[in-house]
Amino acid sequence: LHALKLSDAHFRKLSDAYYELDKAIHR
Protein backbone atom coordinates (compact mmCIF):
# COMPACT_ATOMS: atom_id res chain seq x y z
CA LEU A 1 0.00 0.00 0.00
CA HIS A 2 2.78 2.40 0.93
CA ALA A 3 4.77 1.64 -2.22
CA LEU A 4 1.71 2.09 -4.43
CA LYS A 5 0.88 5.39 -2.79
CA LEU A 6 4.38 6.64 -3.53
CA SER A 7 4.64 5.35 -7.09
CA ASP A 8 1.18 5.14 -8.65
CA ALA A 9 -0.94 8.24 -9.29
CA HIS A 10 -4.05 6.17 -9.98
CA PHE A 11 -3.66 4.40 -6.64
CA ARG A 12 -3.24 7.75 -4.87
CA LYS A 13 -6.48 8.92 -6.47
CA LEU A 14 -8.26 5.76 -5.31
CA SER A 15 -6.79 6.07 -1.83
CA ASP A 16 -7.89 9.70 -1.56
CA ALA A 17 -11.37 8.80 -2.80
CA TYR A 18 -11.60 5.97 -0.27
CA TYR A 19 -10.66 8.23 2.64
CA GLU A 20 -13.08 10.96 1.53
CA LEU A 21 -15.92 8.46 1.21
CA ASP A 22 -15.03 6.87 4.53
CA LYS A 23 -14.97 10.26 6.22
CA ALA A 24 -18.41 11.14 4.78
CA ILE A 25 -19.81 7.78 5.91
CA HIS A 26 -18.35 8.17 9.39
CA ARG A 27 -19.80 11.69 9.70
mmCIF file of all heavy atoms, coordinates in Angstrom:
data_MODEL
# 
_entry.id   MODEL 
# 
loop_
_atom_site.group_PDB 
_atom_site.id 
_atom_site.type_symbol 
_atom_site.label_atom_id 
_atom_site.label_alt_id 
_atom_site.label_comp_id 
_atom_site.label_asym_id 
_atom_site.label_entity_id 
_atom_site.label_seq_id 
_atom_site.pdbx_PDB_ins_code 
_atom_site.Cartn_x 
_atom_site.Cartn_y 
_atom_site.Cartn_z 
_atom_site.occupancy 
_atom_site.B_iso_or_equiv 
_atom_site.pdbx_formal_charge 
_atom_site.auth_seq_id 
_atom_site.auth_comp_id 
_atom_site.auth_asym_id 
_atom_site.auth_atom_id 
_atom_site.pdbx_PDB_model_num 
ATOM 1   N N   . LEU A 1 1  ? 0.840   -1.206 0.000   1.00 0.00 ? 1  LEU A N   1 
ATOM 2   C CA  . LEU A 1 1  ? 0.000   0.000  0.000   1.00 0.00 ? 1  LEU A CA  1 
ATOM 3   C C   . LEU A 1 1  ? 0.873   1.253  0.000   1.00 0.00 ? 1  LEU A C   1 
ATOM 4   O O   . LEU A 1 1  ? 0.620   2.199  -0.748  1.00 0.00 ? 1  LEU A O   1 
ATOM 5   C CB  . LEU A 1 1  ? -0.932  0.010  1.214   1.00 0.00 ? 1  LEU A CB  1 
ATOM 6   C CG  . LEU A 1 1  ? -2.061  -1.007 1.218   1.00 0.00 ? 1  LEU A CG  1 
ATOM 7   C CD1 . LEU A 1 1  ? -2.738  -1.022 2.589   1.00 0.00 ? 1  LEU A CD1 1 
ATOM 8   C CD2 . LEU A 1 1  ? -3.069  -0.712 0.128   1.00 0.00 ? 1  LEU A CD2 1 
ATOM 9   N N   . HIS A 1 2  ? 1.884   1.248  0.840   1.00 0.00 ? 2  HIS A N   1 
ATOM 10  C CA  . HIS A 1 2  ? 2.778   2.402  0.933   1.00 0.00 ? 2  HIS A CA  1 
ATOM 11  C C   . HIS A 1 2  ? 3.527   2.618  -0.384  1.00 0.00 ? 2  HIS A C   1 
ATOM 12  O O   . HIS A 1 2  ? 3.620   3.743  -0.878  1.00 0.00 ? 2  HIS A O   1 
ATOM 13  C CB  . HIS A 1 2  ? 3.758   2.208  2.092   1.00 0.00 ? 2  HIS A CB  1 
ATOM 14  C CG  . HIS A 1 2  ? 4.676   3.352  2.281   1.00 0.00 ? 2  HIS A CG  1 
ATOM 15  N ND1 . HIS A 1 2  ? 4.266   4.578  2.755   1.00 0.00 ? 2  HIS A ND1 1 
ATOM 16  C CD2 . HIS A 1 2  ? 6.007   3.473  2.040   1.00 0.00 ? 2  HIS A CD2 1 
ATOM 17  C CE1 . HIS A 1 2  ? 5.293   5.397  2.803   1.00 0.00 ? 2  HIS A CE1 1 
ATOM 18  N NE2 . HIS A 1 2  ? 6.362   4.754  2.375   1.00 0.00 ? 2  HIS A NE2 1 
ATOM 19  N N   . ALA A 1 3  ? 4.035   1.536  -0.951  1.00 0.00 ? 3  ALA A N   1 
ATOM 20  C CA  . ALA A 1 3  ? 4.775   1.638  -2.221  1.00 0.00 ? 3  ALA A CA  1 
ATOM 21  C C   . ALA A 1 3  ? 3.865   2.147  -3.337  1.00 0.00 ? 3  ALA A C   1 
ATOM 22  O O   . ALA A 1 3  ? 4.272   3.000  -4.140  1.00 0.00 ? 3  ALA A O   1 
ATOM 23  C CB  . ALA A 1 3  ? 5.381   0.290  -2.590  1.00 0.00 ? 3  ALA A CB  1 
ATOM 24  N N   . LEU A 1 4  ? 2.646   1.630  -3.405  1.00 0.00 ? 4  LEU A N   1 
ATOM 25  C CA  . LEU A 1 4  ? 1.714   2.085  -4.428  1.00 0.00 ? 4  LEU A CA  1 
ATOM 26  C C   . LEU A 1 4  ? 1.384   3.566  -4.259  1.00 0.00 ? 4  LEU A C   1 
ATOM 27  O O   . LEU A 1 4  ? 1.287   4.304  -5.240  1.00 0.00 ? 4  LEU A O   1 
ATOM 28  C CB  . LEU A 1 4  ? 0.426   1.254  -4.386  1.00 0.00 ? 4  LEU A CB  1 
ATOM 29  C CG  . LEU A 1 4  ? 0.507   -0.136 -4.979  1.00 0.00 ? 4  LEU A CG  1 
ATOM 30  C CD1 . LEU A 1 4  ? -0.727  -0.952 -4.602  1.00 0.00 ? 4  LEU A CD1 1 
ATOM 31  C CD2 . LEU A 1 4  ? 0.646   -0.061 -6.492  1.00 0.00 ? 4  LEU A CD2 1 
ATOM 32  N N   . LYS A 1 5  ? 1.217   3.983  -3.029  1.00 0.00 ? 5  LYS A N   1 
ATOM 33  C CA  . LYS A 1 5  ? 0.882   5.389  -2.790  1.00 0.00 ? 5  LYS A CA  1 
ATOM 34  C C   . LYS A 1 5  ? 2.019   6.299  -3.251  1.00 0.00 ? 5  LYS A C   1 
ATOM 35  O O   . LYS A 1 5  ? 1.779   7.406  -3.732  1.00 0.00 ? 5  LYS A O   1 
ATOM 36  C CB  . LYS A 1 5  ? 0.560   5.622  -1.313  1.00 0.00 ? 5  LYS A CB  1 
ATOM 37  C CG  . LYS A 1 5  ? -0.091  6.953  -1.070  1.00 0.00 ? 5  LYS A CG  1 
ATOM 38  C CD  . LYS A 1 5  ? -0.860  6.982  0.216   1.00 0.00 ? 5  LYS A CD  1 
ATOM 39  C CE  . LYS A 1 5  ? -1.650  8.268  0.252   1.00 0.00 ? 5  LYS A CE  1 
ATOM 40  N NZ  . LYS A 1 5  ? -2.514  8.376  1.381   1.00 0.00 ? 5  LYS A NZ  1 
ATOM 41  N N   . LEU A 1 6  ? 3.232   5.831  -3.116  1.00 0.00 ? 6  LEU A N   1 
ATOM 42  C CA  . LEU A 1 6  ? 4.383   6.636  -3.535  1.00 0.00 ? 6  LEU A CA  1 
ATOM 43  C C   . LEU A 1 6  ? 4.607   6.618  -5.043  1.00 0.00 ? 6  LEU A C   1 
ATOM 44  O O   . LEU A 1 6  ? 5.096   7.598  -5.608  1.00 0.00 ? 6  LEU A O   1 
ATOM 45  C CB  . LEU A 1 6  ? 5.654   6.146  -2.836  1.00 0.00 ? 6  LEU A CB  1 
ATOM 46  C CG  . LEU A 1 6  ? 5.721   6.359  -1.327  1.00 0.00 ? 6  LEU A CG  1 
ATOM 47  C CD1 . LEU A 1 6  ? 6.993   5.730  -0.776  1.00 0.00 ? 6  LEU A CD1 1 
ATOM 48  C CD2 . LEU A 1 6  ? 5.647   7.832  -0.973  1.00 0.00 ? 6  LEU A CD2 1 
ATOM 49  N N   . SER A 1 7  ? 4.236   5.509  -5.695  1.00 0.00 ? 7  SER A N   1 
ATOM 50  C CA  . SER A 1 7  ? 4.642   5.352  -7.089  1.00 0.00 ? 7  SER A CA  1 
ATOM 51  C C   . SER A 1 7  ? 3.517   5.371  -8.122  1.00 0.00 ? 7  SER A C   1 
ATOM 52  O O   . SER A 1 7  ? 3.799   5.460  -9.305  1.00 0.00 ? 7  SER A O   1 
ATOM 53  C CB  . SER A 1 7  ? 5.401   4.026  -7.242  1.00 0.00 ? 7  SER A CB  1 
ATOM 54  O OG  . SER A 1 7  ? 4.523   2.938  -6.988  1.00 0.00 ? 7  SER A OG  1 
ATOM 55  N N   . ASP A 1 8  ? 2.270   5.296  -7.698  1.00 0.00 ? 8  ASP A N   1 
ATOM 56  C CA  . ASP A 1 8  ? 1.176   5.137  -8.646  1.00 0.00 ? 8  ASP A CA  1 
ATOM 57  C C   . ASP A 1 8  ? 0.115   6.220  -8.441  1.00 0.00 ? 8  ASP A C   1 
ATOM 58  O O   . ASP A 1 8  ? -0.605  6.219  -7.442  1.00 0.00 ? 8  ASP A O   1 
ATOM 59  C CB  . ASP A 1 8  ? 0.559   3.747  -8.465  1.00 0.00 ? 8  ASP A CB  1 
ATOM 60  C CG  . ASP A 1 8  ? -0.418  3.377  -9.546  1.00 0.00 ? 8  ASP A CG  1 
ATOM 61  O OD1 . ASP A 1 8  ? -1.290  4.202  -9.871  1.00 0.00 ? 8  ASP A OD1 1 
ATOM 62  O OD2 . ASP A 1 8  ? -0.326  2.243  -10.056 1.00 0.00 ? 8  ASP A OD2 1 
ATOM 63  N N   . ALA A 1 9  ? 0.013   7.121  -9.399  1.00 0.00 ? 9  ALA A N   1 
ATOM 64  C CA  . ALA A 1 9  ? -0.935  8.240  -9.295  1.00 0.00 ? 9  ALA A CA  1 
ATOM 65  C C   . ALA A 1 9  ? -2.380  7.756  -9.246  1.00 0.00 ? 9  ALA A C   1 
ATOM 66  O O   . ALA A 1 9  ? -3.203  8.328  -8.527  1.00 0.00 ? 9  ALA A O   1 
ATOM 67  C CB  . ALA A 1 9  ? -0.746  9.204  -10.456 1.00 0.00 ? 9  ALA A CB  1 
ATOM 68  N N   . HIS A 1 10 ? -2.690  6.705  -10.000 1.00 0.00 ? 10 HIS A N   1 
ATOM 69  C CA  . HIS A 1 10 ? -4.053  6.171  -9.979  1.00 0.00 ? 10 HIS A CA  1 
ATOM 70  C C   . HIS A 1 10 ? -4.392  5.616  -8.592  1.00 0.00 ? 10 HIS A C   1 
ATOM 71  O O   . HIS A 1 10 ? -5.487  5.834  -8.069  1.00 0.00 ? 10 HIS A O   1 
ATOM 72  C CB  . HIS A 1 10 ? -4.221  5.088  -11.042 1.00 0.00 ? 10 HIS A CB  1 
ATOM 73  C CG  . HIS A 1 10 ? -5.585  4.468  -11.055 1.00 0.00 ? 10 HIS A CG  1 
ATOM 74  N ND1 . HIS A 1 10 ? -6.726  5.172  -11.354 1.00 0.00 ? 10 HIS A ND1 1 
ATOM 75  C CD2 . HIS A 1 10 ? -5.985  3.206  -10.770 1.00 0.00 ? 10 HIS A CD2 1 
ATOM 76  C CE1 . HIS A 1 10 ? -7.770  4.375  -11.260 1.00 0.00 ? 10 HIS A CE1 1 
ATOM 77  N NE2 . HIS A 1 10 ? -7.347  3.177  -10.905 1.00 0.00 ? 10 HIS A NE2 1 
ATOM 78  N N   . PHE A 1 11 ? -3.438  4.919  -7.986  1.00 0.00 ? 11 PHE A N   1 
ATOM 79  C CA  . PHE A 1 11 ? -3.664  4.400  -6.635  1.00 0.00 ? 11 PHE A CA  1 
ATOM 80  C C   . PHE A 1 11 ? -3.865  5.542  -5.645  1.00 0.00 ? 11 PHE A C   1 
ATOM 81  O O   . PHE A 1 11 ? -4.735  5.454  -4.774  1.00 0.00 ? 11 PHE A O   1 
ATOM 82  C CB  . PHE A 1 11 ? -2.506  3.505  -6.177  1.00 0.00 ? 11 PHE A CB  1 
ATOM 83  C CG  . PHE A 1 11 ? -2.732  2.969  -4.796  1.00 0.00 ? 11 PHE A CG  1 
ATOM 84  C CD1 . PHE A 1 11 ? -3.512  1.850  -4.600  1.00 0.00 ? 11 PHE A CD1 1 
ATOM 85  C CD2 . PHE A 1 11 ? -2.191  3.604  -3.687  1.00 0.00 ? 11 PHE A CD2 1 
ATOM 86  C CE1 . PHE A 1 11 ? -3.755  1.360  -3.322  1.00 0.00 ? 11 PHE A CE1 1 
ATOM 87  C CE2 . PHE A 1 11 ? -2.421  3.134  -2.416  1.00 0.00 ? 11 PHE A CE2 1 
ATOM 88  C CZ  . PHE A 1 11 ? -3.201  2.002  -2.236  1.00 0.00 ? 11 PHE A CZ  1 
ATOM 89  N N   . ARG A 1 12 ? -3.073  6.595  -5.768  1.00 0.00 ? 12 ARG A N   1 
ATOM 90  C CA  . ARG A 1 12 ? -3.243  7.750  -4.870  1.00 0.00 ? 12 ARG A CA  1 
ATOM 91  C C   . ARG A 1 12 ? -4.639  8.330  -4.994  1.00 0.00 ? 12 ARG A C   1 
ATOM 92  O O   . ARG A 1 12 ? -5.273  8.695  -4.000  1.00 0.00 ? 12 ARG A O   1 
ATOM 93  C CB  . ARG A 1 12 ? -2.193  8.821  -5.160  1.00 0.00 ? 12 ARG A CB  1 
ATOM 94  C CG  . ARG A 1 12 ? -0.851  8.544  -4.523  1.00 0.00 ? 12 ARG A CG  1 
ATOM 95  C CD  . ARG A 1 12 ? 0.074   9.752  -4.580  1.00 0.00 ? 12 ARG A CD  1 
ATOM 96  N NE  . ARG A 1 12 ? 0.325   10.226 -5.929  1.00 0.00 ? 12 ARG A NE  1 
ATOM 97  C CZ  . ARG A 1 12 ? 1.256   9.741  -6.744  1.00 0.00 ? 12 ARG A CZ  1 
ATOM 98  N NH1 . ARG A 1 12 ? 2.013   8.732  -6.353  1.00 0.00 ? 12 ARG A NH1 1 
ATOM 99  N NH2 . ARG A 1 12 ? 1.429   10.244 -7.941  1.00 0.00 ? 12 ARG A NH2 1 
ATOM 100 N N   . LYS A 1 13 ? -5.136  8.403  -6.244  1.00 0.00 ? 13 LYS A N   1 
ATOM 101 C CA  . LYS A 1 13 ? -6.485  8.921  -6.467  1.00 0.00 ? 13 LYS A CA  1 
ATOM 102 C C   . LYS A 1 13 ? -7.521  8.013  -5.801  1.00 0.00 ? 13 LYS A C   1 
ATOM 103 O O   . LYS A 1 13 ? -8.447  8.494  -5.153  1.00 0.00 ? 13 LYS A O   1 
ATOM 104 C CB  . LYS A 1 13 ? -6.749  9.044  -7.967  1.00 0.00 ? 13 LYS A CB  1 
ATOM 105 C CG  . LYS A 1 13 ? -8.063  9.673  -8.311  1.00 0.00 ? 13 LYS A CG  1 
ATOM 106 C CD  . LYS A 1 13 ? -8.225  9.831  -9.814  1.00 0.00 ? 13 LYS A CD  1 
ATOM 107 C CE  . LYS A 1 13 ? -9.587  10.411 -10.141 1.00 0.00 ? 13 LYS A CE  1 
ATOM 108 N NZ  . LYS A 1 13 ? -9.802  10.545 -11.564 1.00 0.00 ? 13 LYS A NZ  1 
ATOM 109 N N   . LEU A 1 14 ? -7.356  6.705  -5.959  1.00 0.00 ? 14 LEU A N   1 
ATOM 110 C CA  . LEU A 1 14 ? -8.264  5.759  -5.314  1.00 0.00 ? 14 LEU A CA  1 
ATOM 111 C C   . LEU A 1 14 ? -8.187  5.865  -3.795  1.00 0.00 ? 14 LEU A C   1 
ATOM 112 O O   . LEU A 1 14 ? -9.216  5.859  -3.112  1.00 0.00 ? 14 LEU A O   1 
ATOM 113 C CB  . LEU A 1 14 ? -7.933  4.321  -5.731  1.00 0.00 ? 14 LEU A CB  1 
ATOM 114 C CG  . LEU A 1 14 ? -8.302  3.901  -7.138  1.00 0.00 ? 14 LEU A CG  1 
ATOM 115 C CD1 . LEU A 1 14 ? -7.743  2.513  -7.434  1.00 0.00 ? 14 LEU A CD1 1 
ATOM 116 C CD2 . LEU A 1 14 ? -9.807  3.927  -7.331  1.00 0.00 ? 14 LEU A CD2 1 
ATOM 117 N N   . SER A 1 15 ? -6.987  5.966  -3.280  1.00 0.00 ? 15 SER A N   1 
ATOM 118 C CA  . SER A 1 15 ? -6.789  6.073  -1.834  1.00 0.00 ? 15 SER A CA  1 
ATOM 119 C C   . SER A 1 15 ? -7.454  7.334  -1.296  1.00 0.00 ? 15 SER A C   1 
ATOM 120 O O   . SER A 1 15 ? -8.158  7.291  -0.279  1.00 0.00 ? 15 SER A O   1 
ATOM 121 C CB  . SER A 1 15 ? -5.287  6.084  -1.518  1.00 0.00 ? 15 SER A CB  1 
ATOM 122 O OG  . SER A 1 15 ? -5.073  6.253  -0.143  1.00 0.00 ? 15 SER A OG  1 
ATOM 123 N N   . ASP A 1 16 ? -7.258  8.442  -1.979  1.00 0.00 ? 16 ASP A N   1 
ATOM 124 C CA  . ASP A 1 16 ? -7.888  9.696  -1.557  1.00 0.00 ? 16 ASP A CA  1 
ATOM 125 C C   . ASP A 1 16 ? -9.410  9.597  -1.609  1.00 0.00 ? 16 ASP A C   1 
ATOM 126 O O   . ASP A 1 16 ? -10.103 10.053 -0.699  1.00 0.00 ? 16 ASP A O   1 
ATOM 127 C CB  . ASP A 1 16 ? -7.411  10.862 -2.425  1.00 0.00 ? 16 ASP A CB  1 
ATOM 128 C CG  . ASP A 1 16 ? -5.953  11.215 -2.198  1.00 0.00 ? 16 ASP A CG  1 
ATOM 129 O OD1 . ASP A 1 16 ? -5.362  10.768 -1.187  1.00 0.00 ? 16 ASP A OD1 1 
ATOM 130 O OD2 . ASP A 1 16 ? -5.395  11.944 -3.047  1.00 0.00 ? 16 ASP A OD2 1 
ATOM 131 N N   . ALA A 1 17 ? -9.924  8.975  -2.668  1.00 0.00 ? 17 ALA A N   1 
ATOM 132 C CA  . ALA A 1 17 ? -11.373 8.803  -2.801  1.00 0.00 ? 17 ALA A CA  1 
ATOM 133 C C   . ALA A 1 17 ? -11.904 7.927  -1.669  1.00 0.00 ? 17 ALA A C   1 
ATOM 134 O O   . ALA A 1 17 ? -12.951 8.224  -1.080  1.00 0.00 ? 17 ALA A O   1 
ATOM 135 C CB  . ALA A 1 17 ? -11.718 8.198  -4.156  1.00 0.00 ? 17 ALA A CB  1 
ATOM 136 N N   . TYR A 1 18 ? -11.178 6.857  -1.346  1.00 0.00 ? 18 TYR A N   1 
ATOM 137 C CA  . TYR A 1 18 ? -11.596 5.967  -0.267  1.00 0.00 ? 18 TYR A CA  1 
ATOM 138 C C   . TYR A 1 18 ? -11.687 6.735  1.054   1.00 0.00 ? 18 TYR A C   1 
ATOM 139 O O   . TYR A 1 18 ? -12.679 6.621  1.776   1.00 0.00 ? 18 TYR A O   1 
ATOM 140 C CB  . TYR A 1 18 ? -10.618 4.799  -0.131  1.00 0.00 ? 18 TYR A CB  1 
ATOM 141 C CG  . TYR A 1 18 ? -10.998 3.868  0.997   1.00 0.00 ? 18 TYR A CG  1 
ATOM 142 C CD1 . TYR A 1 18 ? -11.933 2.867  0.804   1.00 0.00 ? 18 TYR A CD1 1 
ATOM 143 C CD2 . TYR A 1 18 ? -10.449 4.015  2.267   1.00 0.00 ? 18 TYR A CD2 1 
ATOM 144 C CE1 . TYR A 1 18 ? -12.310 2.027  1.836   1.00 0.00 ? 18 TYR A CE1 1 
ATOM 145 C CE2 . TYR A 1 18 ? -10.820 3.191  3.307   1.00 0.00 ? 18 TYR A CE2 1 
ATOM 146 C CZ  . TYR A 1 18 ? -11.749 2.199  3.086   1.00 0.00 ? 18 TYR A CZ  1 
ATOM 147 O OH  . TYR A 1 18 ? -12.120 1.387  4.120   1.00 0.00 ? 18 TYR A OH  1 
ATOM 148 N N   . TYR A 1 19 ? -10.658 7.505  1.371   1.00 0.00 ? 19 TYR A N   1 
ATOM 149 C CA  . TYR A 1 19 ? -10.658 8.227  2.642   1.00 0.00 ? 19 TYR A CA  1 
ATOM 150 C C   . TYR A 1 19 ? -11.747 9.294  2.683   1.00 0.00 ? 19 TYR A C   1 
ATOM 151 O O   . TYR A 1 19 ? -12.372 9.503  3.723   1.00 0.00 ? 19 TYR A O   1 
ATOM 152 C CB  . TYR A 1 19 ? -9.276  8.829  2.927   1.00 0.00 ? 19 TYR A CB  1 
ATOM 153 C CG  . TYR A 1 19 ? -8.290  7.767  3.348   1.00 0.00 ? 19 TYR A CG  1 
ATOM 154 C CD1 . TYR A 1 19 ? -7.210  7.440  2.556   1.00 0.00 ? 19 TYR A CD1 1 
ATOM 155 C CD2 . TYR A 1 19 ? -8.453  7.062  4.533   1.00 0.00 ? 19 TYR A CD2 1 
ATOM 156 C CE1 . TYR A 1 19 ? -6.324  6.447  2.918   1.00 0.00 ? 19 TYR A CE1 1 
ATOM 157 C CE2 . TYR A 1 19 ? -7.574  6.068  4.907   1.00 0.00 ? 19 TYR A CE2 1 
ATOM 158 C CZ  . TYR A 1 19 ? -6.505  5.765  4.102   1.00 0.00 ? 19 TYR A CZ  1 
ATOM 159 O OH  . TYR A 1 19 ? -5.628  4.784  4.473   1.00 0.00 ? 19 TYR A OH  1 
ATOM 160 N N   . GLU A 1 20 ? -12.001 9.962  1.574   1.00 0.00 ? 20 GLU A N   1 
ATOM 161 C CA  . GLU A 1 20 ? -13.077 10.962 1.533   1.00 0.00 ? 20 GLU A CA  1 
ATOM 162 C C   . GLU A 1 20 ? -14.439 10.306 1.726   1.00 0.00 ? 20 GLU A C   1 
ATOM 163 O O   . GLU A 1 20 ? -15.290 10.812 2.458   1.00 0.00 ? 20 GLU A O   1 
ATOM 164 C CB  . GLU A 1 20 ? -13.028 11.762 0.235   1.00 0.00 ? 20 GLU A CB  1 
ATOM 165 C CG  . GLU A 1 20 ? -11.872 12.739 0.155   1.00 0.00 ? 20 GLU A CG  1 
ATOM 166 C CD  . GLU A 1 20 ? -11.863 13.747 1.300   1.00 0.00 ? 20 GLU A CD  1 
ATOM 167 O OE1 . GLU A 1 20 ? -12.926 14.308 1.625   1.00 0.00 ? 20 GLU A OE1 1 
ATOM 168 O OE2 . GLU A 1 20 ? -10.785 13.964 1.885   1.00 0.00 ? 20 GLU A OE2 1 
ATOM 169 N N   . LEU A 1 21 ? -14.661 9.188  1.047   1.00 0.00 ? 21 LEU A N   1 
ATOM 170 C CA  . LEU A 1 21 ? -15.919 8.463  1.209   1.00 0.00 ? 21 LEU A CA  1 
ATOM 171 C C   . LEU A 1 21 ? -16.059 7.944  2.639   1.00 0.00 ? 21 LEU A C   1 
ATOM 172 O O   . LEU A 1 21 ? -17.128 8.051  3.246   1.00 0.00 ? 21 LEU A O   1 
ATOM 173 C CB  . LEU A 1 21 ? -16.006 7.300  0.216   1.00 0.00 ? 21 LEU A CB  1 
ATOM 174 C CG  . LEU A 1 21 ? -16.241 7.696  -1.227  1.00 0.00 ? 21 LEU A CG  1 
ATOM 175 C CD1 . LEU A 1 21 ? -15.897 6.538  -2.167  1.00 0.00 ? 21 LEU A CD1 1 
ATOM 176 C CD2 . LEU A 1 21 ? -17.676 8.151  -1.426  1.00 0.00 ? 21 LEU A CD2 1 
ATOM 177 N N   . ASP A 1 22 ? -14.991 7.395  3.172   1.00 0.00 ? 22 ASP A N   1 
ATOM 178 C CA  . ASP A 1 22 ? -15.034 6.872  4.530   1.00 0.00 ? 22 ASP A CA  1 
ATOM 179 C C   . ASP A 1 22 ? -15.328 7.975  5.536   1.00 0.00 ? 22 ASP A C   1 
ATOM 180 O O   . ASP A 1 22 ? -16.102 7.781  6.480   1.00 0.00 ? 22 ASP A O   1 
ATOM 181 C CB  . ASP A 1 22 ? -13.721 6.166  4.864   1.00 0.00 ? 22 ASP A CB  1 
ATOM 182 C CG  . ASP A 1 22 ? -13.823 5.372  6.142   1.00 0.00 ? 22 ASP A CG  1 
ATOM 183 O OD1 . ASP A 1 22 ? -14.694 4.467  6.207   1.00 0.00 ? 22 ASP A OD1 1 
ATOM 184 O OD2 . ASP A 1 22 ? -13.072 5.659  7.083   1.00 0.00 ? 22 ASP A OD2 1 
ATOM 185 N N   . LYS A 1 23 ? -14.727 9.132  5.323   1.00 0.00 ? 23 LYS A N   1 
ATOM 186 C CA  . LYS A 1 23 ? -14.974 10.261 6.217   1.00 0.00 ? 23 LYS A CA  1 
ATOM 187 C C   . LYS A 1 23 ? -16.438 10.692 6.145   1.00 0.00 ? 23 LYS A C   1 
ATOM 188 O O   . LYS A 1 23 ? -17.070 10.937 7.186   1.00 0.00 ? 23 LYS A O   1 
ATOM 189 C CB  . LYS A 1 23 ? -14.045 11.427 5.858   1.00 0.00 ? 23 LYS A CB  1 
ATOM 190 C CG  . LYS A 1 23 ? -14.177 12.614 6.789   1.00 0.00 ? 23 LYS A CG  1 
ATOM 191 C CD  . LYS A 1 23 ? -13.079 13.646 6.575   1.00 0.00 ? 23 LYS A CD  1 
ATOM 192 C CE  . LYS A 1 23 ? -13.142 14.249 5.197   1.00 0.00 ? 23 LYS A CE  1 
ATOM 193 N NZ  . LYS A 1 23 ? -12.207 15.373 5.029   1.00 0.00 ? 23 LYS A NZ  1 
ATOM 194 N N   . ALA A 1 24 ? -17.001 10.752 4.947   1.00 0.00 ? 24 ALA A N   1 
ATOM 195 C CA  . ALA A 1 24 ? -18.407 11.136 4.785   1.00 0.00 ? 24 ALA A CA  1 
ATOM 196 C C   . ALA A 1 24 ? -19.330 10.115 5.449   1.00 0.00 ? 24 ALA A C   1 
ATOM 197 O O   . ALA A 1 24 ? -20.314 10.480 6.102   1.00 0.00 ? 24 ALA A O   1 
ATOM 198 C CB  . ALA A 1 24 ? -18.741 11.290 3.303   1.00 0.00 ? 24 ALA A CB  1 
ATOM 199 N N   . ILE A 1 25 ? -19.010 8.841  5.298   1.00 0.00 ? 25 ILE A N   1 
ATOM 200 C CA  . ILE A 1 25 ? -19.812 7.778  5.912   1.00 0.00 ? 25 ILE A CA  1 
ATOM 201 C C   . ILE A 1 25 ? -19.728 7.881  7.437   1.00 0.00 ? 25 ILE A C   1 
ATOM 202 O O   . ILE A 1 25 ? -20.741 7.800  8.136   1.00 0.00 ? 25 ILE A O   1 
ATOM 203 C CB  . ILE A 1 25 ? -19.359 6.396  5.419   1.00 0.00 ? 25 ILE A CB  1 
ATOM 204 C CG1 . ILE A 1 25 ? -19.729 6.232  3.946   1.00 0.00 ? 25 ILE A CG1 1 
ATOM 205 C CG2 . ILE A 1 25 ? -19.954 5.272  6.272   1.00 0.00 ? 25 ILE A CG2 1 
ATOM 206 C CD1 . ILE A 1 25 ? -19.045 5.065  3.255   1.00 0.00 ? 25 ILE A CD1 1 
ATOM 207 N N   . HIS A 1 26 ? -18.544 8.052  7.943   1.00 0.00 ? 26 HIS A N   1 
ATOM 208 C CA  . HIS A 1 26 ? -18.345 8.172  9.393   1.00 0.00 ? 26 HIS A CA  1 
ATOM 209 C C   . HIS A 1 26 ? -19.131 9.365  9.949   1.00 0.00 ? 26 HIS A C   1 
ATOM 210 O O   . HIS A 1 26 ? -19.802 9.248  10.978  1.00 0.00 ? 26 HIS A O   1 
ATOM 211 C CB  . HIS A 1 26 ? -16.853 8.312  9.704   1.00 0.00 ? 26 HIS A CB  1 
ATOM 212 C CG  . HIS A 1 26 ? -16.553 8.465  11.153  1.00 0.00 ? 26 HIS A CG  1 
ATOM 213 N ND1 . HIS A 1 26 ? -16.697 7.437  12.052  1.00 0.00 ? 26 HIS A ND1 1 
ATOM 214 C CD2 . HIS A 1 26 ? -16.134 9.537  11.861  1.00 0.00 ? 26 HIS A CD2 1 
ATOM 215 C CE1 . HIS A 1 26 ? -16.371 7.876  13.261  1.00 0.00 ? 26 HIS A CE1 1 
ATOM 216 N NE2 . HIS A 1 26 ? -16.026 9.140  13.167  1.00 0.00 ? 26 HIS A NE2 1 
ATOM 217 N N   . ARG A 1 27 ? -19.074 10.503 9.252   1.00 0.00 ? 27 ARG A N   1 
ATOM 218 C CA  . ARG A 1 27 ? -19.797 11.692 9.701   1.00 0.00 ? 27 ARG A CA  1 
ATOM 219 C C   . ARG A 1 27 ? -21.309 11.459 9.678   1.00 0.00 ? 27 ARG A C   1 
ATOM 220 O O   . ARG A 1 27 ? -22.026 11.894 10.573  1.00 0.00 ? 27 ARG A O   1 
ATOM 221 C CB  . ARG A 1 27 ? -19.423 12.901 8.857   1.00 0.00 ? 27 ARG A CB  1 
ATOM 222 C CG  . ARG A 1 27 ? -17.975 13.352 9.069   1.00 0.00 ? 27 ARG A CG  1 
ATOM 223 C CD  . ARG A 1 27 ? -17.576 14.496 8.161   1.00 0.00 ? 27 ARG A CD  1 
ATOM 224 N NE  . ARG A 1 27 ? -18.345 15.687 8.401   1.00 0.00 ? 27 ARG A NE  1 
ATOM 225 C CZ  . ARG A 1 27 ? -18.132 16.578 9.379   1.00 0.00 ? 27 ARG A CZ  1 
ATOM 226 N NH1 . ARG A 1 27 ? -17.146 16.376 10.208  1.00 0.00 ? 27 ARG A NH1 1 
ATOM 227 N NH2 . ARG A 1 27 ? -18.882 17.646 9.502   1.00 0.00 ? 27 ARG A NH2 1 
# 
